[in-house]
Amino acid sequence: MNNTTPRTDPRVLRTRELLKNAVVELMEEMNVQKISVNRIAERAKINRVTFYLHYKDIPDMLEKMADEMVEDITKVVNSEDAGNSEPGEHEDWPVLENLLKYIAANARFYKTVLASRRSSIFSDRLFNLIADMIAARVEKKERPADASTVAIQKDVAVWYGSAALIGTIIAWLRNDMPYTPQYLAKQITSLRHQ
């Protein structure tokens, strides 16, 4: 029995990419509430009916785009390149660097959906993903029983770490990425270890 997943028709992938690009373009120009299926179809140069073959409505499309974003980021941070660091002080640096490189490579999309304040679904999903990653990291950390430092509640550490990282990424995007992903990853990692 073959356990491979079915391959999606390239025409379907192309149409979805056209629709996604159209939505991103429109989000650059206006609030998401003002975007209509007609505008998306016109911008994508497809028939309105074709839109409905792929999505129920605009919120459904945004949900699926956010799901795809989370899936793509998860693949990036779980890739072999990201996990090949030596244990130690800066073990998260390669993961963060890969994430920032991916965001930089898709800067138009991320600048629009995260930094433009057009729709919160993308930043909410990214926050949840990063919060889960930080929670897993916090759980792995072991504190010595005689630690003289004040114990930090797990949820506070997750909230703080997630908000700080997402805020930094958004500010980096809004300022047209003045630092390379490598440099920013090193800076963020260094901040976390001070």
C-alpha atoms as a PDB file:
ATOM      1  CA  MET A   1       0.000   0.000   0.000  1.00  0.00           C
ATOM      2  CA  ASN A   2       1.350   3.434  -0.918  1.00  0.00           C
ATOM      3  CA  ASN A   3       1.478   5.880   2.030  1.00  0.00           C
ATOM      4  CA  THR A   4       2.300   8.998   0.036  1.00  0.00           C
ATOM      5  CA  THR A   5      -0.016  11.970   0.186  1.00  0.00           C
ATOM      6  CA  PRO A   6      -1.927  12.798  -2.976  1.00  0.00           C
ATOM      7  CA  ARG A   7      -0.314  15.441  -5.144  1.00  0.00           C
ATOM      8  CA  THR A   8      -2.253  18.650  -5.663  1.00  0.00           C
ATOM      9  CA  ASP A   9      -2.928  19.614  -9.262  1.00  0.00           C
ATOM     10  CA  PRO A  10      -0.420  22.344 -10.307  1.00  0.00           C
ATOM     11  CA  ARG A  11      -3.308  24.407 -11.719  1.00  0.00           C
ATOM     12  CA  VAL A  12      -4.930  24.468  -8.282  1.00  0.00           C
ATOM     13  CA  LEU A  13      -1.650  25.559  -6.689  1.00  0.00           C
ATOM     14  CA  ARG A  14      -1.205  28.268  -9.327  1.00  0.00           C
ATOM     15  CA  THR A  15      -4.740  29.586  -8.816  1.00  0.00           C
ATOM     16  CA  ARG A  16      -4.320  29.660  -5.032  1.00  0.00           C
ATOM     17  CA  GLU A  17      -1.043  31.516  -5.435  1.00  0.00           C
ATOM     18  CA  LEU A  18      -2.754  34.072  -7.710  1.00  0.00           C
ATOM     19  CA  LEU A  19      -5.514  34.526  -5.129  1.00  0.00           C
ATOM     20  CA  LYS A  20      -3.028  34.835  -2.269  1.00  0.00           C
ATOM     21  CA  ASN A  21      -0.983  37.438  -4.162  1.00  0.00           C
ATOM     22  CA  ALA A  22      -4.157  39.360  -4.993  1.00  0.00           C
ATOM     23  CA  VAL A  23      -5.189  39.466  -1.337  1.00  0.00           C
ATOM     24  CA  VAL A  24      -1.736  40.593  -0.244  1.00  0.00           C
ATOM     25  CA  GLU A  25      -1.762  43.367  -2.863  1.00  0.00           C
ATOM     26  CA  LEU A  26      -5.214  44.485  -1.773  1.00  0.00           C
ATOM     27  CA  MET A  27      -4.229  44.389   1.912  1.00  0.00           C
ATOM     28  CA  GLU A  28      -1.360  46.753   1.065  1.00  0.00           C
ATOM     29  CA  GLU A  29      -3.931  49.204  -0.264  1.00  0.00           C
ATOM     30  CA  MET A  30      -6.912  48.886   2.073  1.00  0.00           C
ATOM     31  CA  ASN A  31      -8.333  47.373   5.235  1.00  0.00           C
ATOM     32  CA  VAL A  32      -9.259  43.734   4.925  1.00  0.00           C
ATOM     33  CA  GLN A  33     -12.907  44.586   5.708  1.00  0.00           C
ATOM     34  CA  LYS A  34     -13.095  46.556   2.457  1.00  0.00           C
ATOM     35  CA  ILE A  35     -11.787  43.724   0.311  1.00  0.00           C
ATOM     36  CA  SER A  36     -14.445  41.912  -1.690  1.00  0.00           C
ATOM     37  CA  VAL A  37     -14.415  38.651  -3.610  1.00  0.00           C
ATOM     38  CA  ASN A  38     -14.936  40.683  -6.788  1.00  0.00           C
ATOM     39  CA  ARG A  39     -11.810  42.741  -6.098  1.00  0.00           C
ATOM     40  CA  ILE A  40      -9.781  39.623  -5.370  1.00  0.00           C
ATOM     41  CA  ALA A  41     -11.003  37.900  -8.544  1.00  0.00           C
ATOM     42  CA  GLU A  42     -10.307  40.988 -10.671  1.00  0.00           C
ATOM     43  CA  ARG A  43      -6.821  41.404  -9.207  1.00  0.00           C
ATOM     44  CA  ALA A  44      -6.030  37.698  -9.665  1.00  0.00           C
ATOM     45  CA  LYS A  45      -7.491  37.807 -13.183  1.00  0.00           C
ATOM     46  CA  ILE A  46      -9.765  34.884 -12.510  1.00  0.00           C
ATOM     47  CA  ASN A  47     -13.500  34.322 -12.492  1.00  0.00           C
ATOM     48  CA  ARG A  48     -15.396  34.945  -9.249  1.00  0.00           C
ATOM     49  CA  VAL A  49     -16.724  31.393  -9.409  1.00  0.00           C
ATOM     50  CA  THR A  50     -13.138  30.123  -9.348  1.00  0.00           C
ATOM     51  CA  PHE A  51     -12.622  31.860  -6.004  1.00  0.00           C
ATOM     52  CA  TYR A  52     -15.563  29.917  -4.567  1.00  0.00           C
ATOM     53  CA  LEU A  53     -14.127  26.644  -5.848  1.00  0.00           C
ATOM     54  CA  HIS A  54     -11.224  27.200  -3.430  1.00  0.00           C
ATOM     55  CA  TYR A  55     -12.716  29.146  -0.508  1.00  0.00           C
ATOM     56  CA  LYS A  56     -16.122  29.660   1.121  1.00  0.00           C
ATOM     57  CA  ASP A  57     -15.513  33.369   1.658  1.00  0.00           C
ATOM     58  CA  ILE A  58     -12.752  35.841   2.509  1.00  0.00           C
ATOM     59  CA  PRO A  59     -12.495  34.843   6.202  1.00  0.00           C
ATOM     60  CA  ASP A  60     -12.104  31.203   5.087  1.00  0.00           C
ATOM     61  CA  MET A  61      -9.343  32.257   2.710  1.00  0.00           C
ATOM     62  CA  LEU A  62      -7.543  34.225   5.429  1.00  0.00           C
ATOM     63  CA  GLU A  63      -7.849  31.260   7.823  1.00  0.00           C
ATOM     64  CA  LYS A  64      -6.329  28.936   5.231  1.00  0.00           C
ATOM     65  CA  MET A  65      -3.564  31.424   4.453  1.00  0.00           C
ATOM     66  CA  ALA A  66      -2.780  31.681   8.179  1.00  0.00           C
ATOM     67  CA  ASP A  67      -2.766  27.880   8.470  1.00  0.00           C
ATOM     68  CA  GLU A  68      -0.366  27.703   5.530  1.00  0.00           C
ATOM     69  CA  MET A  69       1.852  30.368   7.136  1.00  0.00           C
ATOM     70  CA  VAL A  70       2.047  28.362  10.387  1.00  0.00           C
ATOM     71  CA  GLU A  71       2.762  25.162   8.461  1.00  0.00           C
ATOM     72  CA  ASP A  72       5.545  26.838   6.458  1.00  0.00           C
ATOM     73  CA  ILE A  73       7.159  28.399   9.539  1.00  0.00           C
ATOM     74  CA  THR A  74       6.940  25.097  11.409  1.00  0.00           C
ATOM     75  CA  LYS A  75       8.780  23.382   8.543  1.00  0.00           C
ATOM     76  CA  VAL A  76      11.456  26.098   8.586  1.00  0.00           C
ATOM     77  CA  VAL A  77      12.115  25.950  12.329  1.00  0.00           C
ATOM     78  CA  ASN A  78      12.039  22.147  12.356  1.00  0.00           C
ATOM     79  CA  SER A  79      14.309  21.770   9.329  1.00  0.00           C
ATOM     80  CA  GLU A  80      17.599  19.936   9.671  1.00  0.00           C
ATOM     81  CA  ASP A  81      19.530  23.178   9.092  1.00  0.00           C
ATOM     82  CA  ALA A  82      17.844  24.729  12.130  1.00  0.00           C
ATOM     83  CA  GLY A  83      18.548  21.802  14.408  1.00  0.00           C
ATOM     84  CA  ASN A  84      22.264  21.379  13.714  1.00  0.00           C
ATOM     85  CA  SER A  85      23.617  23.498  16.546  1.00  0.00           C
ATOM     86  CA  GLU A  86      25.924  22.456  19.315  1.00  0.00           C
ATOM     87  CA  PRO A  87      24.316  22.425  22.742  1.00  0.00           C
ATOM     88  CA  GLY A  88      25.243  25.491  24.675  1.00  0.00           C
ATOM     89  CA  GLU A  89      24.651  29.140  25.139  1.00  0.00           C
ATOM     90  CA  HIS A  90      23.446  29.973  21.615  1.00  0.00           C
ATOM     91  CA  GLU A  91      21.671  26.777  20.579  1.00  0.00           C
ATOM     92  CA  ASP A  92      18.560  28.701  19.442  1.00  0.00           C
ATOM     93  CA  TRP A  93      20.519  30.961  17.098  1.00  0.00           C
ATOM     94  CA  PRO A  94      20.315  28.700  13.974  1.00  0.00           C
ATOM     95  CA  VAL A  95      16.562  28.188  14.449  1.00  0.00           C
ATOM     96  CA  LEU A  96      15.963  31.915  14.819  1.00  0.00           C
ATOM     97  CA  GLU A  97      18.286  32.699  11.912  1.00  0.00           C
ATOM     98  CA  ASN A  98      16.401  30.268   9.630  1.00  0.00           C
ATOM     99  CA  LEU A  99      13.083  31.806  10.694  1.00  0.00           C
ATOM    100  CA  LEU A 100      14.326  35.331   9.953  1.00  0.00           C
ATOM    101  CA  LYS A 101      15.815  34.266   6.600  1.00  0.00           C
ATOM    102  CA  TYR A 102      12.477  32.734   5.651  1.00  0.00           C
ATOM    103  CA  ILE A 103      10.585  35.873   6.669  1.00  0.00           C
ATOM    104  CA  ALA A 104      13.073  38.044   4.751  1.00  0.00           C
ATOM    105  CA  ALA A 105      12.687  35.860   1.649  1.00  0.00           C
ATOM    106  CA  ASN A 106       8.909  36.371   1.899  1.00  0.00           C
ATOM    107  CA  ALA A 107       9.125  39.949   3.147  1.00  0.00           C
ATOM    108  CA  ARG A 108       6.259  41.345   1.097  1.00  0.00           C
ATOM    109  CA  PHE A 109       3.799  38.821   2.506  1.00  0.00           C
ATOM    110  CA  TYR A 110       5.006  39.145   6.112  1.00  0.00           C
ATOM    111  CA  LYS A 111       5.300  42.917   5.986  1.00  0.00           C
ATOM    112  CA  THR A 112       1.708  43.088   4.779  1.00  0.00           C
ATOM    113  CA  VAL A 113       0.111  40.523   7.084  1.00  0.00           C
ATOM    114  CA  LEU A 114       2.136  41.236  10.239  1.00  0.00           C
ATOM    115  CA  ALA A 115       3.389  44.791  10.098  1.00  0.00           C
ATOM    116  CA  SER A 116       0.507  46.601   8.409  1.00  0.00           C
ATOM    117  CA  ARG A 117      -2.158  46.108  11.125  1.00  0.00           C
ATOM    118  CA  ARG A 118      -4.597  44.992   8.423  1.00  0.00           C
ATOM    119  CA  SER A 119      -5.639  41.660   9.942  1.00  0.00           C
ATOM    120  CA  SER A 120      -4.835  40.165  13.326  1.00  0.00           C
ATOM    121  CA  ILE A 121      -5.339  36.540  12.285  1.00  0.00           C
ATOM    122  CA  PHE A 122      -1.739  36.217  11.072  1.00  0.00           C
ATOM    123  CA  SER A 123      -0.077  37.816  14.107  1.00  0.00           C
ATOM    124  CA  ASP A 124      -2.367  35.818  16.424  1.00  0.00           C
ATOM    125  CA  ARG A 125      -1.417  32.554  14.718  1.00  0.00           C
ATOM    126  CA  LEU A 126       2.272  33.449  14.765  1.00  0.00           C
ATOM    127  CA  PHE A 127       2.013  34.391  18.442  1.00  0.00           C
ATOM    128  CA  ASN A 128       0.423  31.016  19.242  1.00  0.00           C
ATOM    129  CA  LEU A 129       3.081  29.125  17.260  1.00  0.00           C
ATOM    130  CA  ILE A 130       5.970  30.976  18.910  1.00  0.00           C
ATOM    131  CA  ALA A 131       4.318  30.661  22.333  1.00  0.00           C
ATOM    132  CA  ASP A 132       4.156  26.882  21.845  1.00  0.00           C
ATOM    133  CA  MET A 133       7.814  26.794  20.812  1.00  0.00           C
ATOM    134  CA  ILE A 134       8.870  28.888  23.804  1.00  0.00           C
ATOM    135  CA  ALA A 135       6.718  26.807  26.165  1.00  0.00           C
ATOM    136  CA  ALA A 136       8.469  23.651  24.958  1.00  0.00           C
ATOM    137  CA  ARG A 137      11.846  25.340  25.470  1.00  0.00           C
ATOM    138  CA  VAL A 138      10.911  26.531  28.981  1.00  0.00           C
ATOM    139  CA  GLU A 139       9.778  23.020  29.921  1.00  0.00           C
ATOM    140  CA  LYS A 140      13.126  21.581  28.776  1.00  0.00           C
ATOM    141  CA  LYS A 141      15.100  24.003  30.937  1.00  0.00           C
ATOM    142  CA  GLU A 142      15.934  22.644  34.351  1.00  0.00           C
ATOM    143  CA  ARG A 143      16.545  24.933  37.287  1.00  0.00           C
ATOM    144  CA  PRO A 144      18.784  23.853  40.116  1.00  0.00           C
ATOM    145  CA  ALA A 145      16.952  23.377  43.418  1.00  0.00           C
ATOM    146  CA  ASP A 146      19.194  25.902  45.176  1.00  0.00           C
ATOM    147  CA  ALA A 147      18.841  28.617  42.523  1.00  0.00           C
ATOM    148  CA  SER A 148      19.015  32.032  44.144  1.00  0.00           C
ATOM    149  CA  THR A 149      17.143  33.727  41.315  1.00  0.00           C
ATOM    150  CA  VAL A 150      13.422  34.318  41.483  1.00  0.00           C
ATOM    151  CA  ALA A 151      11.512  31.553  39.708  1.00  0.00           C
ATOM    152  CA  ILE A 152       9.600  32.826  36.715  1.00  0.00           C
ATOM    153  CA  GLN A 153       6.172  31.421  36.033  1.00  0.00           C
ATOM    154  CA  LYS A 154       6.044  29.456  32.792  1.00  0.00           C
ATOM    155  CA  ASP A 155       3.110  31.415  31.375  1.00  0.00           C
ATOM    156  CA  VAL A 156       4.833  34.758  32.094  1.00  0.00           C
ATOM    157  CA  ALA A 157       8.013  33.557  30.374  1.00  0.00           C
ATOM    158  CA  VAL A 158       6.001  32.380  27.353  1.00  0.00           C
ATOM    159  CA  TRP A 159       4.001  35.625  27.087  1.00  0.00           C
ATOM    160  CA  TYR A 160       7.105  37.767  27.431  1.00  0.00           C
ATOM    161  CA  GLY A 161       9.255  35.742  25.045  1.00  0.00           C
ATOM    162  CA  SER A 162       6.548  35.492  22.375  1.00  0.00           C
ATOM    163  CA  ALA A 163       5.620  39.164  22.510  1.00  0.00           C
ATOM    164  CA  ALA A 164       9.253  40.284  22.485  1.00  0.00           C
ATOM    165  CA  LEU A 165      10.171  38.107  19.515  1.00  0.00           C
ATOM    166  CA  ILE A 166       7.102  38.974  17.448  1.00  0.00           C
ATOM    167  CA  GLY A 167       7.452  42.661  18.330  1.00  0.00           C
ATOM    168  CA  THR A 168      11.077  42.606  17.211  1.00  0.00           C
ATOM    169  CA  ILE A 169      10.211  40.852  13.937  1.00  0.00           C
ATOM    170  CA  ILE A 170       7.397  43.324  13.224  1.00  0.00           C
ATOM    171  CA  ALA A 171       9.633  46.335  13.991  1.00  0.00           C
ATOM    172  CA  TRP A 172      12.341  44.830  11.754  1.00  0.00           C
ATOM    173  CA  LEU A 173       9.811  44.472   8.901  1.00  0.00           C
ATOM    174  CA  ARG A 174       8.344  47.966   9.407  1.00  0.00           C
ATOM    175  CA  ASN A 175      11.852  49.434   9.250  1.00  0.00           C
ATOM    176  CA  ASP A 176      12.574  47.642   5.956  1.00  0.00           C
ATOM    177  CA  MET A 177      14.818  44.988   7.541  1.00  0.00           C
ATOM    178  CA  PRO A 178      17.876  47.177   8.289  1.00  0.00           C
ATOM    179  CA  TYR A 179      19.787  44.164   9.662  1.00  0.00           C
ATOM    180  CA  THR A 180      20.544  40.834   8.062  1.00  0.00           C
ATOM    181  CA  PRO A 181      18.706  37.809   9.462  1.00  0.00           C
ATOM    182  CA  GLN A 182      22.043  36.473  10.758  1.00  0.00           C
ATOM    183  CA  TYR A 183      22.869  39.686  12.630  1.00  0.00           C
ATOM    184  CA  LEU A 184      19.362  40.071  14.069  1.00  0.00           C
ATOM    185  CA  ALA A 185      19.305  36.432  15.214  1.00  0.00           C
ATOM    186  CA  LYS A 186      22.638  36.946  16.970  1.00  0.00           C
ATOM    187  CA  GLN A 187      21.388  40.157  18.611  1.00  0.00           C
ATOM    188  CA  ILE A 188      18.147  38.563  19.843  1.00  0.00           C
ATOM    189  CA  THR A 189      19.990  35.502  21.138  1.00  0.00           C
ATOM    190  CA  SER A 190      22.529  37.708  22.924  1.00  0.00           C
ATOM    191  CA  LEU A 191      19.732  39.757  24.528  1.00  0.00           C
ATOM    192  CA  ARG A 192      18.084  36.614  25.857  1.00  0.00           C
ATOM    193  CA  HIS A 193      21.306  35.523  27.552  1.00  0.00           C
ATOM    194  CA  GLN A 194      22.049  38.767  29.394  1.00  0.00           C
END
